[in-house]
Amino acid sequence: MDVVAWKALFAAVSIFGSALATSWAQAKIGSAGAGAIAEKPEVAGMIIALEALPELMVVLGFVVAAMIITVL
């Protein structure tokens, strides 16, 4: 395999890994957040913020993939 193929493979692994981790984290936060909101409705704003926080992992995975393709 040439260098371009290796770069594409590792960029895909970077995005896939970050997306998988994000989905796992959001599933755990979402289920716990639903229970917390059922008990205390005033924590809904904090749960929404915590649910959106793992999306940063996907953005960082995309940045790493872009760096793999362009810099290395």
C-alpha atoms as a PDB file:
ATOM      1  CA  MET A   1       0.000   0.000   0.000  1.00  0.00           C
ATOM      2  CA  ASP A   2       1.198   3.466  -0.741  1.00  0.00           C
ATOM      3  CA  VAL A   3       1.363   6.384   1.666  1.00  0.00           C
ATOM      4  CA  VAL A   4      -1.941   7.905   0.552  1.00  0.00           C
ATOM      5  CA  ALA A   5      -3.815   4.704   1.346  1.00  0.00           C
ATOM      6  CA  TRP A   6      -2.240   4.486   4.808  1.00  0.00           C
ATOM      7  CA  LYS A   7      -3.151   8.117   5.492  1.00  0.00           C
ATOM      8  CA  ALA A   8      -6.751   7.490   4.447  1.00  0.00           C
ATOM      9  CA  LEU A   9      -6.939   4.367   6.607  1.00  0.00           C
ATOM     10  CA  PHE A  10      -5.600   6.077   9.712  1.00  0.00           C
ATOM     11  CA  ALA A  11      -7.810   9.135   9.160  1.00  0.00           C
ATOM     12  CA  ALA A  12     -10.842   6.849   8.940  1.00  0.00           C
ATOM     13  CA  VAL A  13      -9.791   5.045  12.123  1.00  0.00           C
ATOM     14  CA  SER A  14      -9.446   8.402  13.871  1.00  0.00           C
ATOM     15  CA  ILE A  15     -12.948   9.522  12.960  1.00  0.00           C
ATOM     16  CA  PHE A  16     -14.482   6.098  13.602  1.00  0.00           C
ATOM     17  CA  GLY A  17     -12.899   5.821  17.041  1.00  0.00           C
ATOM     18  CA  SER A  18     -13.973   9.269  18.126  1.00  0.00           C
ATOM     19  CA  ALA A  19     -17.513   8.747  16.807  1.00  0.00           C
ATOM     20  CA  LEU A  20     -17.787   5.411  18.610  1.00  0.00           C
ATOM     21  CA  ALA A  21     -16.586   6.922  21.879  1.00  0.00           C
ATOM     22  CA  THR A  22     -19.000   9.822  21.496  1.00  0.00           C
ATOM     23  CA  SER A  23     -21.969   7.559  20.886  1.00  0.00           C
ATOM     24  CA  TRP A  24     -21.095   5.453  23.924  1.00  0.00           C
ATOM     25  CA  ALA A  25     -20.719   8.534  26.151  1.00  0.00           C
ATOM     26  CA  GLN A  26     -23.954  10.093  24.930  1.00  0.00           C
ATOM     27  CA  ALA A  27     -25.840   6.852  25.545  1.00  0.00           C
ATOM     28  CA  LYS A  28     -24.627   6.723  29.143  1.00  0.00           C
ATOM     29  CA  ILE A  29     -25.254  10.432  29.768  1.00  0.00           C
ATOM     30  CA  GLY A  30     -28.675  10.294  28.115  1.00  0.00           C
ATOM     31  CA  SER A  31     -29.961   7.393  30.166  1.00  0.00           C
ATOM     32  CA  ALA A  32     -28.642   8.839  33.414  1.00  0.00           C
ATOM     33  CA  GLY A  33     -29.932  12.278  32.448  1.00  0.00           C
ATOM     34  CA  ALA A  34     -33.430  10.983  31.781  1.00  0.00           C
ATOM     35  CA  GLY A  35     -33.548   9.544  35.278  1.00  0.00           C
ATOM     36  CA  ALA A  36     -32.166  12.729  36.794  1.00  0.00           C
ATOM     37  CA  ILE A  37     -34.699  14.910  34.968  1.00  0.00           C
ATOM     38  CA  ALA A  38     -37.522  12.629  36.097  1.00  0.00           C
ATOM     39  CA  GLU A  39     -36.451  13.138  39.713  1.00  0.00           C
ATOM     40  CA  LYS A  40     -35.414  16.816  39.515  1.00  0.00           C
ATOM     41  CA  PRO A  41     -36.741  18.745  36.492  1.00  0.00           C
ATOM     42  CA  GLU A  42     -34.574  21.767  37.347  1.00  0.00           C
ATOM     43  CA  VAL A  43     -31.408  19.930  36.230  1.00  0.00           C
ATOM     44  CA  ALA A  44     -32.605  19.719  32.616  1.00  0.00           C
ATOM     45  CA  GLY A  45     -30.352  22.558  31.437  1.00  0.00           C
ATOM     46  CA  MET A  46     -27.258  20.952  32.900  1.00  0.00           C
ATOM     47  CA  ILE A  47     -28.138  17.573  31.391  1.00  0.00           C
ATOM     48  CA  ILE A  48     -28.554  19.141  27.945  1.00  0.00           C
ATOM     49  CA  ALA A  49     -25.118  20.740  28.279  1.00  0.00           C
ATOM     50  CA  LEU A  50     -23.602  17.444  29.401  1.00  0.00           C
ATOM     51  CA  GLU A  51     -25.265  15.652  26.493  1.00  0.00           C
ATOM     52  CA  ALA A  52     -23.716  18.081  23.992  1.00  0.00           C
ATOM     53  CA  LEU A  53     -20.225  17.986  25.518  1.00  0.00           C
ATOM     54  CA  PRO A  54     -19.055  14.655  24.004  1.00  0.00           C
ATOM     55  CA  GLU A  55     -19.611  16.064  20.514  1.00  0.00           C
ATOM     56  CA  LEU A  56     -16.262  17.771  20.998  1.00  0.00           C
ATOM     57  CA  MET A  57     -14.639  14.332  20.709  1.00  0.00           C
ATOM     58  CA  VAL A  58     -15.932  13.946  17.148  1.00  0.00           C
ATOM     59  CA  VAL A  59     -14.702  17.412  16.231  1.00  0.00           C
ATOM     60  CA  LEU A  60     -11.263  16.608  17.651  1.00  0.00           C
ATOM     61  CA  GLY A  61     -11.249  13.283  15.787  1.00  0.00           C
ATOM     62  CA  PHE A  62     -11.967  15.191  12.588  1.00  0.00           C
ATOM     63  CA  VAL A  63      -9.119  17.612  13.344  1.00  0.00           C
ATOM     64  CA  VAL A  64      -6.729  14.715  13.915  1.00  0.00           C
ATOM     65  CA  ALA A  65      -7.867  13.097  10.661  1.00  0.00           C
ATOM     66  CA  ALA A  66      -7.304  16.358   8.788  1.00  0.00           C
ATOM     67  CA  MET A  67      -3.846  16.636  10.327  1.00  0.00           C
ATOM     68  CA  ILE A  68      -3.020  13.064   9.340  1.00  0.00           C
ATOM     69  CA  ILE A  69      -3.992  13.720   5.743  1.00  0.00           C
ATOM     70  CA  THR A  70      -2.358  17.121   5.334  1.00  0.00           C
ATOM     71  CA  VAL A  71       0.639  17.242   7.672  1.00  0.00           C
ATOM     72  CA  LEU A  72       2.089  13.750   7.859  1.00  0.00           C
END
